[in-house]
């Protein structure tokens, strides 16, 4: 058996960001990378429309505070990837 790194935490890993909830954007399809790209593109588009951020600034914001997660793998071949953007960054 090949061993890989294991990480243990004493509590939620994003407790400092959870307080105001999240805007969550999804990508769905047979390729996880494409799904991830779709989800982040949705966030960038939303930030432009609702927060008047230029695409470059929205991309930078997503890269430092967003969280990509694989949300569903049971409906093969269509996987769901979610991009979580914490609302607390706007407070």
N, C-alpha and C. Protein backbone atom coordinates (compact mmCIF):
# COMPACT_ATOMS: atom_id res chain seq x y z
N UNK A 1 0.84 -1.17 0.00
CA UNK A 1 0.00 0.00 0.00
C UNK A 1 0.89 1.24 0.00
N UNK A 2 0.60 2.17 -0.89
CA UNK A 2 1.36 3.41 -0.97
C UNK A 2 0.73 4.45 -0.04
N UNK A 3 1.56 5.06 0.80
CA UNK A 3 1.05 6.06 1.74
C UNK A 3 1.19 7.46 1.17
N UNK A 4 0.19 8.26 1.40
CA UNK A 4 0.17 9.65 0.96
C UNK A 4 0.02 10.55 2.18
N UNK A 5 0.35 11.82 2.04
CA UNK A 5 0.22 12.72 3.19
C UNK A 5 -1.20 12.76 3.73
N UNK A 6 -1.30 12.79 5.03
CA UNK A 6 -2.59 12.92 5.72
C UNK A 6 -2.49 14.14 6.61
N UNK A 7 -3.55 14.94 6.64
CA UNK A 7 -3.57 16.16 7.44
C UNK A 7 -4.71 16.07 8.43
N UNK A 8 -4.46 16.43 9.69
CA UNK A 8 -5.51 16.50 10.71
C UNK A 8 -5.64 17.94 11.15
N UNK A 9 -6.87 18.38 11.40
CA UNK A 9 -7.10 19.73 11.90
C UNK A 9 -7.88 19.66 13.20
N UNK A 10 -7.78 20.70 13.99
CA UNK A 10 -8.49 20.72 15.27
C UNK A 10 -9.90 21.28 15.14
N UNK A 11 -10.28 21.74 13.96
CA UNK A 11 -11.61 22.30 13.74
C UNK A 11 -11.77 22.68 12.28
N UNK A 12 -12.80 23.47 11.97
CA UNK A 12 -13.02 23.88 10.57
C UNK A 12 -11.79 24.59 10.01
N UNK A 13 -11.49 24.32 8.77
CA UNK A 13 -10.31 24.94 8.17
C UNK A 13 -10.56 26.37 7.71
N UNK A 14 -11.82 26.76 7.59
CA UNK A 14 -12.12 28.12 7.13
C UNK A 14 -13.05 28.86 8.08
N UNK A 15 -12.97 28.57 9.35
CA UNK A 15 -13.88 29.18 10.32
C UNK A 15 -13.90 30.71 10.20
N UNK A 16 -12.74 31.31 9.93
CA UNK A 16 -12.66 32.76 9.83
C UNK A 16 -13.40 33.29 8.61
N UNK A 17 -13.75 32.44 7.68
CA UNK A 17 -14.47 32.88 6.48
C UNK A 17 -15.94 32.48 6.47
N UNK A 18 -16.33 31.55 7.32
CA UNK A 18 -17.68 30.99 7.27
C UNK A 18 -18.78 31.91 7.76
N UNK A 19 -18.46 32.94 8.53
CA UNK A 19 -19.45 33.73 9.24
C UNK A 19 -20.57 34.32 8.40
N UNK A 20 -20.30 34.71 7.18
CA UNK A 20 -21.32 35.36 6.35
C UNK A 20 -21.84 34.46 5.24
N UNK A 21 -21.39 33.22 5.20
CA UNK A 21 -21.83 32.30 4.15
C UNK A 21 -21.00 32.46 2.89
N UNK A 22 -21.47 31.87 1.82
CA UNK A 22 -20.73 31.83 0.56
C UNK A 22 -21.63 32.09 -0.63
N UNK A 23 -21.05 32.58 -1.70
CA UNK A 23 -21.64 32.51 -3.03
C UNK A 23 -20.96 31.30 -3.66
N UNK A 24 -21.75 30.39 -4.22
CA UNK A 24 -21.19 29.15 -4.76
C UNK A 24 -21.55 29.05 -6.24
N UNK A 25 -20.54 28.81 -7.05
CA UNK A 25 -20.69 28.71 -8.50
C UNK A 25 -20.28 27.31 -8.92
N UNK A 26 -20.98 26.74 -9.89
CA UNK A 26 -20.71 25.35 -10.26
C UNK A 26 -20.34 25.19 -11.72
N UNK A 27 -19.63 24.12 -11.98
CA UNK A 27 -19.34 23.66 -13.32
C UNK A 27 -19.69 22.18 -13.36
N UNK A 28 -20.29 21.75 -14.46
CA UNK A 28 -20.74 20.36 -14.56
C UNK A 28 -20.29 19.79 -15.90
N UNK A 29 -19.73 18.58 -15.86
CA UNK A 29 -19.33 17.93 -17.10
C UNK A 29 -18.45 16.74 -16.84
N UNK A 30 -17.97 16.13 -17.92
CA UNK A 30 -17.18 14.91 -17.79
C UNK A 30 -15.71 15.15 -17.45
N UNK A 31 -15.27 16.41 -17.44
CA UNK A 31 -13.87 16.72 -17.17
C UNK A 31 -13.78 17.66 -15.97
N UNK A 32 -13.05 17.24 -14.92
CA UNK A 32 -12.97 18.05 -13.70
C UNK A 32 -12.32 19.40 -13.95
N UNK A 33 -11.31 19.46 -14.79
CA UNK A 33 -10.64 20.74 -15.06
C UNK A 33 -11.58 21.71 -15.77
N UNK A 34 -12.36 21.21 -16.70
CA UNK A 34 -13.33 22.06 -17.39
C UNK A 34 -14.39 22.53 -16.41
N UNK A 35 -14.86 21.63 -15.55
CA UNK A 35 -15.84 22.02 -14.53
C UNK A 35 -15.29 23.08 -13.60
N UNK A 36 -14.03 22.93 -13.19
CA UNK A 36 -13.40 23.93 -12.33
C UNK A 36 -13.32 25.27 -13.04
N UNK A 37 -12.93 25.25 -14.29
CA UNK A 37 -12.84 26.49 -15.08
C UNK A 37 -14.21 27.16 -15.19
N UNK A 38 -15.25 26.37 -15.46
CA UNK A 38 -16.60 26.92 -15.56
C UNK A 38 -17.04 27.57 -14.25
N UNK A 39 -16.75 26.92 -13.14
CA UNK A 39 -17.15 27.44 -11.84
C UNK A 39 -16.44 28.76 -11.54
N UNK A 40 -15.14 28.82 -11.80
CA UNK A 40 -14.39 30.06 -11.54
C UNK A 40 -14.83 31.16 -12.50
N UNK A 41 -15.08 30.81 -13.75
CA UNK A 41 -15.58 31.81 -14.71
C UNK A 41 -16.91 32.38 -14.26
N UNK A 42 -17.76 31.54 -13.67
CA UNK A 42 -19.03 32.03 -13.14
C UNK A 42 -18.83 33.04 -12.03
N UNK A 43 -17.85 32.78 -11.16
CA UNK A 43 -17.55 33.71 -10.07
C UNK A 43 -16.99 35.02 -10.62
N UNK A 44 -16.10 34.93 -11.59
CA UNK A 44 -15.51 36.14 -12.18
C UNK A 44 -16.59 36.98 -12.85
N UNK A 45 -17.48 36.32 -13.58
CA UNK A 45 -18.59 37.03 -14.22
C UNK A 45 -19.48 37.70 -13.18
N UNK A 46 -19.82 36.98 -12.13
CA UNK A 46 -20.68 37.51 -11.07
C UNK A 46 -20.03 38.72 -10.39
N UNK A 47 -18.74 38.62 -10.10
CA UNK A 47 -18.03 39.73 -9.46
C UNK A 47 -18.02 40.97 -10.36
N UNK A 48 -17.93 40.75 -11.65
CA UNK A 48 -17.99 41.88 -12.59
C UNK A 48 -19.36 42.53 -12.61
N UNK A 49 -20.41 41.70 -12.65
CA UNK A 49 -21.77 42.22 -12.73
C UNK A 49 -22.26 42.84 -11.43
N UNK A 50 -21.94 42.21 -10.29
CA UNK A 50 -22.51 42.65 -9.02
C UNK A 50 -21.59 43.55 -8.20
N UNK A 51 -20.28 43.46 -8.43
CA UNK A 51 -19.31 44.24 -7.65
C UNK A 51 -18.48 45.18 -8.51
N UNK A 52 -18.82 45.22 -9.80
CA UNK A 52 -18.13 46.10 -10.76
C UNK A 52 -16.61 45.92 -10.78
N UNK A 53 -16.17 44.70 -10.59
CA UNK A 53 -14.73 44.43 -10.63
C UNK A 53 -14.31 44.09 -12.05
N UNK A 54 -13.21 44.67 -12.52
CA UNK A 54 -12.67 44.22 -13.81
C UNK A 54 -12.29 42.74 -13.71
N UNK A 55 -12.31 42.05 -14.82
CA UNK A 55 -12.04 40.61 -14.83
C UNK A 55 -10.71 40.27 -14.18
N UNK A 56 -9.68 41.08 -14.41
CA UNK A 56 -8.36 40.79 -13.84
C UNK A 56 -8.40 40.84 -12.32
N UNK A 57 -9.09 41.84 -11.75
CA UNK A 57 -9.19 41.95 -10.30
C UNK A 57 -10.05 40.84 -9.72
N UNK A 58 -11.13 40.49 -10.42
CA UNK A 58 -11.99 39.40 -9.96
C UNK A 58 -11.20 38.08 -9.95
N UNK A 59 -10.39 37.86 -10.96
CA UNK A 59 -9.57 36.65 -11.03
C UNK A 59 -8.59 36.60 -9.87
N UNK A 60 -7.94 37.73 -9.59
CA UNK A 60 -6.99 37.77 -8.48
C UNK A 60 -7.69 37.52 -7.15
N UNK A 61 -8.88 38.11 -6.97
CA UNK A 61 -9.63 37.90 -5.73
C UNK A 61 -10.00 36.42 -5.58
N UNK A 62 -10.45 35.82 -6.65
CA UNK A 62 -10.80 34.39 -6.60
C UNK A 62 -9.58 33.54 -6.27
N UNK A 63 -8.43 33.92 -6.78
CA UNK A 63 -7.25 33.09 -6.56
C UNK A 63 -6.77 33.12 -5.12
N UNK A 64 -7.07 34.19 -4.38
CA UNK A 64 -6.58 34.26 -3.01
C UNK A 64 -7.61 33.86 -1.96
N UNK A 65 -8.90 33.91 -2.28
CA UNK A 65 -9.87 33.61 -1.22
C UNK A 65 -10.94 32.61 -1.61
N UNK A 66 -10.94 32.11 -2.82
CA UNK A 66 -11.93 31.13 -3.22
C UNK A 66 -11.47 29.71 -2.94
N UNK A 67 -12.41 28.79 -2.97
CA UNK A 67 -12.12 27.40 -2.66
C UNK A 67 -12.85 26.49 -3.64
N UNK A 68 -12.11 25.74 -4.43
CA UNK A 68 -12.71 24.77 -5.35
C UNK A 68 -12.92 23.45 -4.63
N UNK A 69 -14.09 22.85 -4.86
CA UNK A 69 -14.40 21.57 -4.24
C UNK A 69 -15.08 20.66 -5.26
N UNK A 70 -14.76 19.40 -5.20
CA UNK A 70 -15.49 18.44 -6.01
C UNK A 70 -16.75 18.11 -5.22
N UNK A 71 -17.90 18.46 -5.78
CA UNK A 71 -19.15 18.34 -5.03
C UNK A 71 -19.90 17.05 -5.30
N UNK A 72 -19.73 16.50 -6.49
CA UNK A 72 -20.51 15.30 -6.80
C UNK A 72 -19.79 14.47 -7.85
N UNK A 73 -19.70 13.18 -7.58
CA UNK A 73 -19.09 12.27 -8.55
C UNK A 73 -19.99 11.07 -8.85
N UNK A 74 -21.19 11.06 -8.30
CA UNK A 74 -22.05 9.88 -8.45
C UNK A 74 -22.79 9.81 -9.78
N UNK A 75 -22.87 10.92 -10.50
CA UNK A 75 -23.59 10.93 -11.76
C UNK A 75 -22.64 10.85 -12.95
N UNK A 76 -21.75 9.86 -12.90
CA UNK A 76 -20.78 9.67 -13.98
C UNK A 76 -21.51 9.60 -15.32
N UNK A 77 -21.00 10.23 -16.32
CA UNK A 77 -19.70 10.88 -16.39
C UNK A 77 -19.73 12.38 -16.07
N UNK A 78 -20.81 12.87 -15.49
CA UNK A 78 -20.90 14.30 -15.20
C UNK A 78 -20.58 14.60 -13.75
N UNK A 79 -19.45 15.25 -13.54
CA UNK A 79 -19.00 15.62 -12.20
C UNK A 79 -19.41 17.05 -11.94
N UNK A 80 -19.64 17.39 -10.68
CA UNK A 80 -19.96 18.76 -10.29
C UNK A 80 -18.79 19.31 -9.49
N UNK A 81 -18.27 20.43 -9.95
CA UNK A 81 -17.22 21.15 -9.25
C UNK A 81 -17.82 22.46 -8.77
N UNK A 82 -17.58 22.81 -7.51
CA UNK A 82 -18.12 24.05 -6.94
C UNK A 82 -16.99 24.98 -6.54
N UNK A 83 -17.21 26.26 -6.77
CA UNK A 83 -16.25 27.28 -6.35
C UNK A 83 -16.94 28.11 -5.27
N UNK A 84 -16.38 28.07 -4.06
CA UNK A 84 -16.94 28.78 -2.91
C UNK A 84 -16.23 30.11 -2.73
N UNK A 85 -16.99 31.20 -2.78
CA UNK A 85 -16.46 32.54 -2.56
C UNK A 85 -17.08 33.08 -1.28
N UNK A 86 -16.27 33.30 -0.24
CA UNK A 86 -16.83 33.73 1.05
C UNK A 86 -17.37 35.16 0.99
N UNK A 87 -18.59 35.34 1.44
CA UNK A 87 -19.21 36.67 1.45
C UNK A 87 -18.52 37.64 2.41
N UNK A 88 -17.84 37.11 3.41
CA UNK A 88 -17.23 37.97 4.42
C UNK A 88 -16.18 38.91 3.82
N UNK A 89 -15.66 38.60 2.66
CA UNK A 89 -14.66 39.47 2.03
C UNK A 89 -15.25 40.81 1.59
N UNK A 90 -16.58 40.90 1.55
CA UNK A 90 -17.24 42.14 1.14
C UNK A 90 -17.68 42.99 2.32
N UNK A 91 -17.45 42.51 3.52
CA UNK A 91 -17.88 43.25 4.71
C UNK A 91 -16.82 44.23 5.17
